Amino acid sequence: MSEIDDAYDNSGFIPDAASFPPRWAARAEAFRAGLGARAKLDIPYGSGAREVFDLFLPECPAEGTVVFVHGGYWRAFDKSGWSHLAAGPLARGWAVAMPSYDLCPDVRITHISRQVAAAVTAIADRQQGPLTLTGHSAGGHLVARMRDPLMLSGAVAERIAHILPISPLGDLRPLLETGMNTDFRLDEAEAAAESPALLTDLLDVPVTVWVGGDERPGFLDQSQWLAESWRVEEVVAPGRHHFDVIDDLEDPKSDMVHRLTS
C-alpha cells in the first residue's frame, strides 16, 4: 500500500472494522421498525432506482429537517444502514431525511453531487421550516458541496440553517494518487471542481467541520483544510475514529445534535 493510500485507509486501522457495517445495518433496521408509521421509506427524488430518500418524523410537528448523507467513499452503502442516527434530532423535534445516490464506478462524483442537490430540493419541497445538512466522510464532501451557490436554487439555499460535514473530504486532488481513483475516475479538472475547499463563492451559511481525533492522517488533514479554507470552526472529537465519530447523532444531548437542531 502506498503512503497516500495508507493515509486514507480507515478500516485497516480500526479494531474489528468489518463488524461495524452489519451492526449499523441491524440497528438501522430495528430503529425503522420501532418508528412504525413515522418512517416514510423510499420516497423518490428522481427516476433512478437509488434516487430515493427515507424520512423519519418526530411525534410532534417538525421544527425543521436534518438531511444526513451517508459515506462509503462514493462507492458503497445506501440510506438503509444509517437510520438509527436519526434518533438524536428526532428526540429534539426535528424530522430527518436520508437519501441514497448512485455509486462509483457506475457514475462519477460530479453526478453524485447533482443527485444530492436534487434530493435536498425534493426534501425541501416536502418539508417546511429550516434545513440543516450533515454527512459523513464522502457524505461530508457532498453536503459541503451544497455550499456552492450553483448547486441549489435560492429558495432552497436560503432555508439552510447549518452545514455540518463530519470527517469530510474537502480537497479531492490528493485522491488522484490513490488506488481508489480506478473507481472514481477523477482527473485534475473534476477533482478541483468537486473540492469544496477550493470554492471561492460560498453561501452565507453557518458551518461546523467535525472530525475524530483518532482518525487517519488524510481525514485530519482534509478537515483542517476545509475549516481553514472556509474560516469556520473545526471540532476535533477526542478518542473518536472514523467509524464511531458519527455516534453522537444518536444522542439528543450531544453538541453535534444541538448544533444541527438549534
Protein backbone atom coordinates (compact mmCIF):
# COMPACT_ATOMS: atom_id res chain seq x y z
CA MET A 1 0.00 0.00 0.00
CA SER A 2 1.32 3.42 -0.93
CA GLU A 3 1.79 6.16 1.67
CA ILE A 4 -1.18 8.13 0.31
CA ASP A 5 -3.44 5.05 0.32
CA ASP A 6 -2.35 4.33 3.89
CA ALA A 7 -3.31 7.86 4.97
CA TYR A 8 -6.88 7.31 3.76
CA ASP A 9 -7.28 3.67 4.86
CA ASN A 10 -9.86 3.72 7.66
CA SER A 11 -10.79 0.07 8.08
CA GLY A 12 -7.16 -1.06 8.20
CA PHE A 13 -6.60 0.85 11.43
CA ILE A 14 -9.88 0.34 13.32
CA PRO A 15 -10.10 -2.78 15.52
CA ASP A 16 -12.74 -5.23 14.27
CA ALA A 17 -13.63 -2.82 11.47
CA ALA A 18 -15.53 -5.46 9.48
CA SER A 19 -18.12 -5.78 12.26
CA PHE A 20 -19.29 -2.17 12.01
CA PRO A 21 -21.39 -2.26 8.79
CA PRO A 22 -23.53 -5.26 9.81
CA ARG A 23 -24.06 -3.74 13.26
CA TRP A 24 -25.08 -0.43 11.69
CA ALA A 25 -27.50 -2.23 9.38
CA ALA A 26 -29.10 -4.20 12.23
CA ARG A 27 -29.53 -1.12 14.40
CA ALA A 28 -30.94 0.85 11.48
CA GLU A 29 -33.49 -1.86 10.66
CA ALA A 30 -34.61 -2.10 14.28
CA PHE A 31 -34.90 1.67 14.51
CA ARG A 32 -37.11 1.87 11.43
CA ALA A 33 -39.33 -0.91 12.75
CA GLY A 34 -39.70 0.91 16.06
CA LEU A 35 -40.88 4.11 14.37
CA GLY A 36 -43.75 2.38 12.59
CA ALA A 37 -45.77 4.85 10.50
CA ARG A 38 -43.37 7.68 11.36
CA ALA A 39 -40.83 6.08 8.99
CA LYS A 40 -41.64 7.04 5.39
CA LEU A 41 -39.43 4.93 3.15
CA ASP A 42 -38.23 5.09 -0.46
CA ILE A 43 -39.62 8.50 -1.38
CA PRO A 44 -38.41 9.28 -4.92
CA TYR A 45 -36.42 12.39 -5.76
CA GLY A 46 -35.58 11.25 -9.28
CA SER A 47 -36.24 8.42 -11.71
CA GLY A 48 -33.29 6.18 -10.81
CA ALA A 49 -33.57 3.13 -8.56
CA ARG A 50 -31.26 4.71 -5.95
CA GLU A 51 -32.77 8.19 -6.25
CA VAL A 52 -34.90 7.79 -3.14
CA PHE A 53 -34.82 9.01 0.44
CA ASP A 54 -36.21 7.89 3.78
CA LEU A 55 -37.97 10.41 6.00
CA PHE A 56 -38.31 9.95 9.76
CA LEU A 57 -40.85 12.10 11.55
CA PRO A 58 -40.96 13.19 15.21
CA GLU A 59 -44.04 12.68 17.32
CA CYS A 60 -44.90 16.39 17.14
CA PRO A 61 -44.94 18.74 14.11
CA ALA A 62 -41.33 19.03 12.96
CA GLU A 63 -39.28 22.08 13.94
CA GLY A 64 -37.20 21.55 10.79
CA THR A 65 -35.44 18.79 8.87
CA VAL A 66 -31.95 17.39 9.20
CA VAL A 67 -30.61 15.83 5.99
CA PHE A 68 -27.97 13.14 6.56
CA VAL A 69 -25.89 11.91 3.60
CA HIS A 70 -24.04 8.62 4.06
CA GLY A 71 -20.42 7.93 3.26
CA GLY A 72 -18.57 4.97 1.78
CA TYR A 73 -16.02 6.70 -0.48
CA TRP A 74 -18.80 7.27 -3.05
CA ARG A 75 -18.52 3.51 -3.75
CA ALA A 76 -20.53 1.75 -1.03
CA PHE A 77 -23.64 1.69 1.17
CA ASP A 78 -27.05 3.27 0.86
CA LYS A 79 -29.52 5.05 3.13
CA SER A 80 -30.69 1.86 4.86
CA GLY A 81 -27.61 1.45 7.05
CA TRP A 82 -27.88 4.70 8.99
CA SER A 83 -31.49 5.14 10.13
CA HIS A 84 -30.57 4.89 13.83
CA LEU A 85 -28.53 8.09 13.52
CA ALA A 86 -31.83 9.97 13.26
CA ALA A 87 -32.51 9.31 16.96
CA GLY A 88 -30.91 12.48 18.31
CA PRO A 89 -32.64 15.04 16.05
CA LEU A 90 -35.97 13.19 16.30
CA ALA A 91 -35.86 13.45 20.09
CA ARG A 92 -35.41 17.20 19.71
CA GLY A 93 -38.46 17.52 17.48
CA TRP A 94 -36.76 17.57 14.07
CA ALA A 95 -37.50 15.34 11.10
CA VAL A 96 -34.58 13.51 9.48
CA ALA A 97 -34.20 12.67 5.79
CA MET A 98 -31.61 10.23 4.43
CA PRO A 99 -31.07 9.89 0.67
CA SER A 100 -29.33 7.20 -1.35
CA TYR A 101 -27.39 8.00 -4.51
CA ASP A 102 -25.66 6.18 -7.35
CA LEU A 103 -22.16 4.88 -6.74
CA CYS A 104 -18.78 4.94 -8.44
CA PRO A 105 -17.66 3.48 -10.79
CA ASP A 106 -21.14 3.43 -12.35
CA VAL A 107 -21.21 7.23 -12.17
CA ARG A 108 -18.72 9.98 -11.45
CA ILE A 109 -18.57 12.09 -8.31
CA THR A 110 -19.88 15.12 -10.19
CA HIS A 111 -23.06 13.19 -10.94
CA ILE A 112 -23.45 12.21 -7.28
CA SER A 113 -23.16 15.84 -6.16
CA ARG A 114 -26.01 16.74 -8.52
CA GLN A 115 -28.09 13.87 -7.16
CA VAL A 116 -27.65 15.11 -3.59
CA ALA A 117 -28.70 18.60 -4.68
CA ALA A 118 -31.82 17.08 -6.25
CA ALA A 119 -32.51 15.14 -3.05
CA VAL A 120 -32.15 18.24 -0.87
CA THR A 121 -34.52 20.09 -3.21
CA ALA A 122 -37.13 17.31 -3.07
CA ILE A 123 -36.87 17.18 0.72
CA ALA A 124 -37.30 20.96 0.90
CA ASP A 125 -40.38 20.73 -1.30
CA ARG A 126 -41.93 18.16 1.03
CA GLN A 127 -40.90 19.61 4.39
CA GLN A 128 -41.49 23.02 5.91
CA GLY A 129 -39.08 25.00 8.06
CA PRO A 130 -35.30 25.21 8.21
CA LEU A 131 -32.96 22.60 6.78
CA THR A 132 -29.65 21.51 8.24
CA LEU A 133 -27.25 19.34 6.29
CA THR A 134 -24.83 16.79 7.66
CA GLY A 135 -22.97 13.86 6.16
CA HIS A 136 -20.12 11.52 6.96
CA SER A 137 -16.90 11.02 5.01
CA ALA A 138 -17.89 11.13 1.31
CA GLY A 139 -21.26 12.32 2.61
CA GLY A 140 -19.43 15.14 4.36
CA HIS A 141 -17.99 16.12 1.00
CA LEU A 142 -21.45 16.00 -0.58
CA VAL A 143 -23.12 18.26 1.98
CA ALA A 144 -20.17 20.64 1.82
CA ARG A 145 -20.73 20.87 -1.95
CA MET A 146 -24.17 22.29 -1.21
CA ARG A 147 -22.49 25.50 -0.03
CA ASP A 148 -21.75 26.22 -3.68
CA PRO A 149 -24.38 28.78 -4.79
CA LEU A 150 -24.70 26.93 -8.11
CA MET A 151 -25.92 23.71 -6.51
CA LEU A 152 -29.30 24.73 -5.05
CA SER A 153 -31.96 27.25 -6.01
CA GLY A 154 -32.09 30.43 -3.97
CA ALA A 155 -35.40 29.42 -2.40
CA VAL A 156 -33.87 26.20 -1.07
CA ALA A 157 -30.49 27.66 -0.17
CA GLU A 158 -31.98 30.40 1.97
CA ARG A 159 -33.63 27.77 4.17
CA ILE A 160 -30.32 26.09 5.09
CA ALA A 161 -29.57 26.94 8.70
CA HIS A 162 -26.36 24.94 9.24
CA ILE A 163 -23.99 22.62 7.37
CA LEU A 164 -22.04 20.13 9.49
CA PRO A 165 -19.65 17.94 7.47
CA ILE A 166 -18.34 15.02 9.56
CA SER A 167 -14.89 13.73 8.59
CA PRO A 168 -15.31 15.32 5.15
CA LEU A 169 -13.19 15.07 2.05
CA GLY A 170 -12.78 18.75 1.22
CA ASP A 171 -10.00 18.62 -1.37
CA LEU A 172 -10.22 15.72 -3.80
CA ARG A 173 -6.89 16.34 -5.53
CA PRO A 174 -4.89 14.02 -3.22
CA LEU A 175 -7.24 11.18 -4.17
CA LEU A 176 -5.86 11.30 -7.71
CA GLU A 177 -2.85 9.41 -6.37
CA THR A 178 -4.82 6.67 -4.58
CA GLY A 179 -5.71 3.24 -5.89
CA MET A 180 -9.36 4.16 -5.32
CA ASN A 181 -9.21 6.53 -8.27
CA THR A 182 -9.64 3.48 -10.50
CA ASP A 183 -13.27 3.70 -9.42
CA PHE A 184 -13.53 7.49 -9.05
CA ARG A 185 -12.00 8.20 -12.48
CA LEU A 186 -11.10 11.68 -11.28
CA ASP A 187 -8.93 13.90 -13.44
CA GLU A 188 -7.36 17.18 -12.35
CA ALA A 189 -10.25 19.29 -13.59
CA GLU A 190 -13.00 17.27 -11.88
CA ALA A 191 -11.00 16.90 -8.66
CA ALA A 192 -10.64 20.67 -8.44
CA ALA A 193 -14.23 21.42 -9.43
CA GLU A 194 -15.58 18.94 -6.88
CA SER A 195 -13.39 20.20 -4.00
CA PRO A 196 -15.40 22.32 -1.53
CA ALA A 197 -12.20 23.66 -0.01
CA LEU A 198 -11.39 25.35 -3.33
CA LEU A 199 -14.71 27.19 -3.63
CA THR A 200 -14.35 30.95 -3.73
CA ASP A 201 -18.06 31.82 -3.88
CA LEU A 202 -19.93 30.47 -0.86
CA LEU A 203 -23.43 30.59 0.54
CA ASP A 204 -23.56 32.60 3.74
CA VAL A 205 -24.44 29.65 5.98
CA PRO A 206 -23.07 28.66 9.41
CA VAL A 207 -20.70 25.70 9.11
CA THR A 208 -19.04 23.40 11.62
CA VAL A 209 -16.44 20.88 10.44
CA TRP A 210 -16.28 17.79 12.68
CA VAL A 211 -13.62 15.07 12.80
CA GLY A 212 -12.48 12.35 15.19
CA GLY A 213 -9.20 12.88 16.97
CA ASP A 214 -8.08 9.31 16.24
CA GLU A 215 -8.80 9.38 12.51
CA ARG A 216 -6.32 8.65 9.75
CA PRO A 217 -3.92 11.46 8.78
CA GLY A 218 -5.73 12.01 5.48
CA PHE A 219 -9.00 12.84 7.21
CA LEU A 220 -7.40 15.01 9.86
CA ASP A 221 -5.73 16.96 7.07
CA GLN A 222 -8.89 17.15 4.98
CA SER A 223 -11.00 18.51 7.83
CA GLN A 224 -8.37 21.08 8.74
CA TRP A 225 -8.01 22.20 5.12
CA LEU A 226 -11.75 22.71 4.76
CA ALA A 227 -12.13 24.56 8.06
CA GLU A 228 -9.18 26.81 7.31
CA SER A 229 -10.25 27.50 3.74
CA TRP A 230 -13.76 28.43 4.84
CA ARG A 231 -12.62 30.10 8.09
CA VAL A 232 -15.10 28.12 10.15
CA GLU A 233 -14.90 26.21 13.40
CA GLU A 234 -13.36 22.74 13.40
CA VAL A 235 -14.32 20.38 16.23
CA VAL A 236 -11.85 17.55 16.85
CA ALA A 237 -13.65 14.90 18.93
CA PRO A 238 -11.10 13.25 21.24
CA GLY A 239 -10.84 9.48 21.13
CA ARG A 240 -13.15 9.09 18.14
CA HIS A 241 -12.14 7.24 14.98
CA HIS A 242 -13.74 7.31 11.54
CA PHE A 243 -16.41 4.72 12.35
CA ASP A 244 -17.60 6.00 15.74
CA VAL A 245 -17.34 9.76 15.17
CA ILE A 246 -20.96 9.68 13.94
CA ASP A 247 -22.33 8.11 17.13
CA ASP A 248 -23.20 11.49 18.65
CA LEU A 249 -26.02 11.83 16.12
CA GLU A 250 -27.95 9.31 18.23
CA ASP A 251 -27.68 11.43 21.38
CA PRO A 252 -30.15 14.33 21.64
CA LYS A 253 -27.94 15.91 24.33
CA SER A 254 -24.76 15.89 22.22
CA ASP A 255 -23.17 19.09 20.97
CA MET A 256 -23.37 17.73 17.43
CA VAL A 257 -27.15 17.32 17.58
CA HIS A 258 -27.54 20.64 19.37
CA ARG A 259 -25.81 22.46 16.52
CA LEU A 260 -27.97 20.75 13.93
CA THR A 261 -31.25 21.49 15.69
CA SER A 262 -30.77 24.95 17.22
